[in-house]
Amino acid sequence: MKARSEQAIILTAQEAAFVRQALVAASGIFAQAKAAGGPGLRALQEAALDVPAGGRPLSHVHYDVCLAVDYLDFPMPVRSTR
């Protein structure tokens, strides 16, 4: 795993809203698959583990998606590098 960059990324309100919408949609798909269970959930779980460069359990991916939404909803203030 690579070290985190300390460089801030600035998104416009439109860009942040677009990214947030995609993340919320992904979270909804994960929740629906979990509620439905069966082969669809198993396929999604297997796909999450089969991602190149180290897949992770679906529950971890879902957590990260929700955390990313929180970061968009409650951004950290940008600090001066001076």
C-alpha atoms as a PDB file:
ATOM      1  CA  MET A   1       0.000   0.000   0.000  1.00  0.00           C
ATOM      2  CA  LYS A   2       1.345   3.429  -0.910  1.00  0.00           C
ATOM      3  CA  ALA A   3       1.663   6.210   1.644  1.00  0.00           C
ATOM      4  CA  ARG A   4      -1.037   8.845   1.673  1.00  0.00           C
ATOM      5  CA  SER A   5      -0.331  12.082  -0.096  1.00  0.00           C
ATOM      6  CA  GLU A   6      -0.552  15.162   2.072  1.00  0.00           C
ATOM      7  CA  GLN A   7      -1.597  17.260  -0.907  1.00  0.00           C
ATOM      8  CA  ALA A   8      -5.201  18.484  -0.725  1.00  0.00           C
ATOM      9  CA  ILE A   9      -7.593  17.802  -3.562  1.00  0.00           C
ATOM     10  CA  ILE A  10     -10.037  20.581  -4.334  1.00  0.00           C
ATOM     11  CA  LEU A  11     -13.383  19.696  -5.905  1.00  0.00           C
ATOM     12  CA  THR A  12     -16.004  22.085  -7.154  1.00  0.00           C
ATOM     13  CA  ALA A  13     -19.445  21.734  -5.579  1.00  0.00           C
ATOM     14  CA  GLN A  14     -20.653  20.067  -8.790  1.00  0.00           C
ATOM     15  CA  GLU A  15     -17.761  17.589  -8.801  1.00  0.00           C
ATOM     16  CA  ALA A  16     -18.285  16.729  -5.142  1.00  0.00           C
ATOM     17  CA  ALA A  17     -22.018  16.231  -5.709  1.00  0.00           C
ATOM     18  CA  PHE A  18     -21.322  13.949  -8.681  1.00  0.00           C
ATOM     19  CA  VAL A  19     -18.827  11.822  -6.744  1.00  0.00           C
ATOM     20  CA  ARG A  20     -21.176  11.695  -3.744  1.00  0.00           C
ATOM     21  CA  GLN A  21     -24.077  10.573  -5.937  1.00  0.00           C
ATOM     22  CA  ALA A  22     -21.984   7.718  -7.352  1.00  0.00           C
ATOM     23  CA  LEU A  23     -20.831   6.645  -3.887  1.00  0.00           C
ATOM     24  CA  VAL A  24     -24.371   6.679  -2.484  1.00  0.00           C
ATOM     25  CA  ALA A  25     -25.570   4.612  -5.449  1.00  0.00           C
ATOM     26  CA  ALA A  26     -22.804   2.063  -4.836  1.00  0.00           C
ATOM     27  CA  SER A  27     -23.705   1.904  -1.155  1.00  0.00           C
ATOM     28  CA  GLY A  28     -27.340   1.293  -2.079  1.00  0.00           C
ATOM     29  CA  ILE A  29     -26.344  -1.564  -4.379  1.00  0.00           C
ATOM     30  CA  PHE A  30     -24.281  -3.160  -1.605  1.00  0.00           C
ATOM     31  CA  ALA A  31     -27.194  -2.842   0.853  1.00  0.00           C
ATOM     32  CA  GLN A  32     -29.717  -4.281  -1.624  1.00  0.00           C
ATOM     33  CA  ALA A  33     -27.428  -7.196  -2.450  1.00  0.00           C
ATOM     34  CA  LYS A  34     -26.958  -7.940   1.254  1.00  0.00           C
ATOM     35  CA  ALA A  35     -30.719  -7.800   1.892  1.00  0.00           C
ATOM     36  CA  ALA A  36     -31.475 -10.065  -1.085  1.00  0.00           C
ATOM     37  CA  GLY A  37     -28.659 -12.519  -0.331  1.00  0.00           C
ATOM     38  CA  GLY A  38     -28.284 -15.442  -2.677  1.00  0.00           C
ATOM     39  CA  PRO A  39     -26.100 -15.741  -5.747  1.00  0.00           C
ATOM     40  CA  GLY A  40     -26.080 -11.999  -6.476  1.00  0.00           C
ATOM     41  CA  LEU A  41     -24.507 -11.233  -3.109  1.00  0.00           C
ATOM     42  CA  ARG A  42     -22.008 -14.071  -3.483  1.00  0.00           C
ATOM     43  CA  ALA A  43     -20.996 -12.796  -6.926  1.00  0.00           C
ATOM     44  CA  LEU A  44     -20.509  -9.279  -5.587  1.00  0.00           C
ATOM     45  CA  GLN A  45     -18.483 -10.570  -2.627  1.00  0.00           C
ATOM     46  CA  GLU A  46     -16.289 -12.652  -4.928  1.00  0.00           C
ATOM     47  CA  ALA A  47     -15.798  -9.714  -7.297  1.00  0.00           C
ATOM     48  CA  ALA A  48     -14.677  -7.498  -4.397  1.00  0.00           C
ATOM     49  CA  LEU A  49     -12.050 -10.076  -3.423  1.00  0.00           C
ATOM     50  CA  ASP A  50     -10.938 -10.625  -7.021  1.00  0.00           C
ATOM     51  CA  VAL A  51      -9.888  -7.037  -7.718  1.00  0.00           C
ATOM     52  CA  PRO A  52      -6.324  -6.755  -9.028  1.00  0.00           C
ATOM     53  CA  ALA A  53      -3.783  -5.355  -6.561  1.00  0.00           C
ATOM     54  CA  GLY A  54      -5.410  -6.904  -3.505  1.00  0.00           C
ATOM     55  CA  GLY A  55      -9.167  -7.148  -3.328  1.00  0.00           C
ATOM     56  CA  ARG A  56     -10.880  -6.730   0.003  1.00  0.00           C
ATOM     57  CA  PRO A  57     -14.010  -8.111   1.649  1.00  0.00           C
ATOM     58  CA  LEU A  58     -17.195  -6.441   0.447  1.00  0.00           C
ATOM     59  CA  SER A  59     -18.012  -5.219   3.951  1.00  0.00           C
ATOM     60  CA  HIS A  60     -14.704  -3.296   4.012  1.00  0.00           C
ATOM     61  CA  VAL A  61     -15.392  -1.783   0.604  1.00  0.00           C
ATOM     62  CA  HIS A  62     -18.901  -0.762   1.721  1.00  0.00           C
ATOM     63  CA  TYR A  63     -17.448   0.849   4.864  1.00  0.00           C
ATOM     64  CA  ASP A  64     -14.939   2.817   2.789  1.00  0.00           C
ATOM     65  CA  VAL A  65     -17.698   4.008   0.452  1.00  0.00           C
ATOM     66  CA  CYS A  66     -19.725   5.280   3.415  1.00  0.00           C
ATOM     67  CA  LEU A  67     -16.627   6.914   4.909  1.00  0.00           C
ATOM     68  CA  ALA A  68     -15.906   8.657   1.599  1.00  0.00           C
ATOM     69  CA  VAL A  69     -19.439  10.110   1.636  1.00  0.00           C
ATOM     70  CA  ASP A  70     -18.765  11.399   5.150  1.00  0.00           C
ATOM     71  CA  TYR A  71     -15.542  13.036   3.954  1.00  0.00           C
ATOM     72  CA  LEU A  72     -17.504  14.809   1.215  1.00  0.00           C
ATOM     73  CA  ASP A  73     -20.283  15.846   3.600  1.00  0.00           C
ATOM     74  CA  PHE A  74     -17.884  17.004   6.344  1.00  0.00           C
ATOM     75  CA  PRO A  75     -14.632  18.082   4.660  1.00  0.00           C
ATOM     76  CA  MET A  76     -11.538  18.881   6.673  1.00  0.00           C
ATOM     77  CA  PRO A  77     -10.420  22.502   6.413  1.00  0.00           C
ATOM     78  CA  VAL A  78      -7.538  23.067   4.023  1.00  0.00           C
ATOM     79  CA  ARG A  79      -4.386  24.079   5.873  1.00  0.00           C
ATOM     80  CA  SER A  80      -1.823  26.462   4.550  1.00  0.00           C
ATOM     81  CA  THR A  81       1.495  24.872   3.580  1.00  0.00           C
ATOM     82  CA  ARG A  82       3.403  27.982   4.569  1.00  0.00           C
END
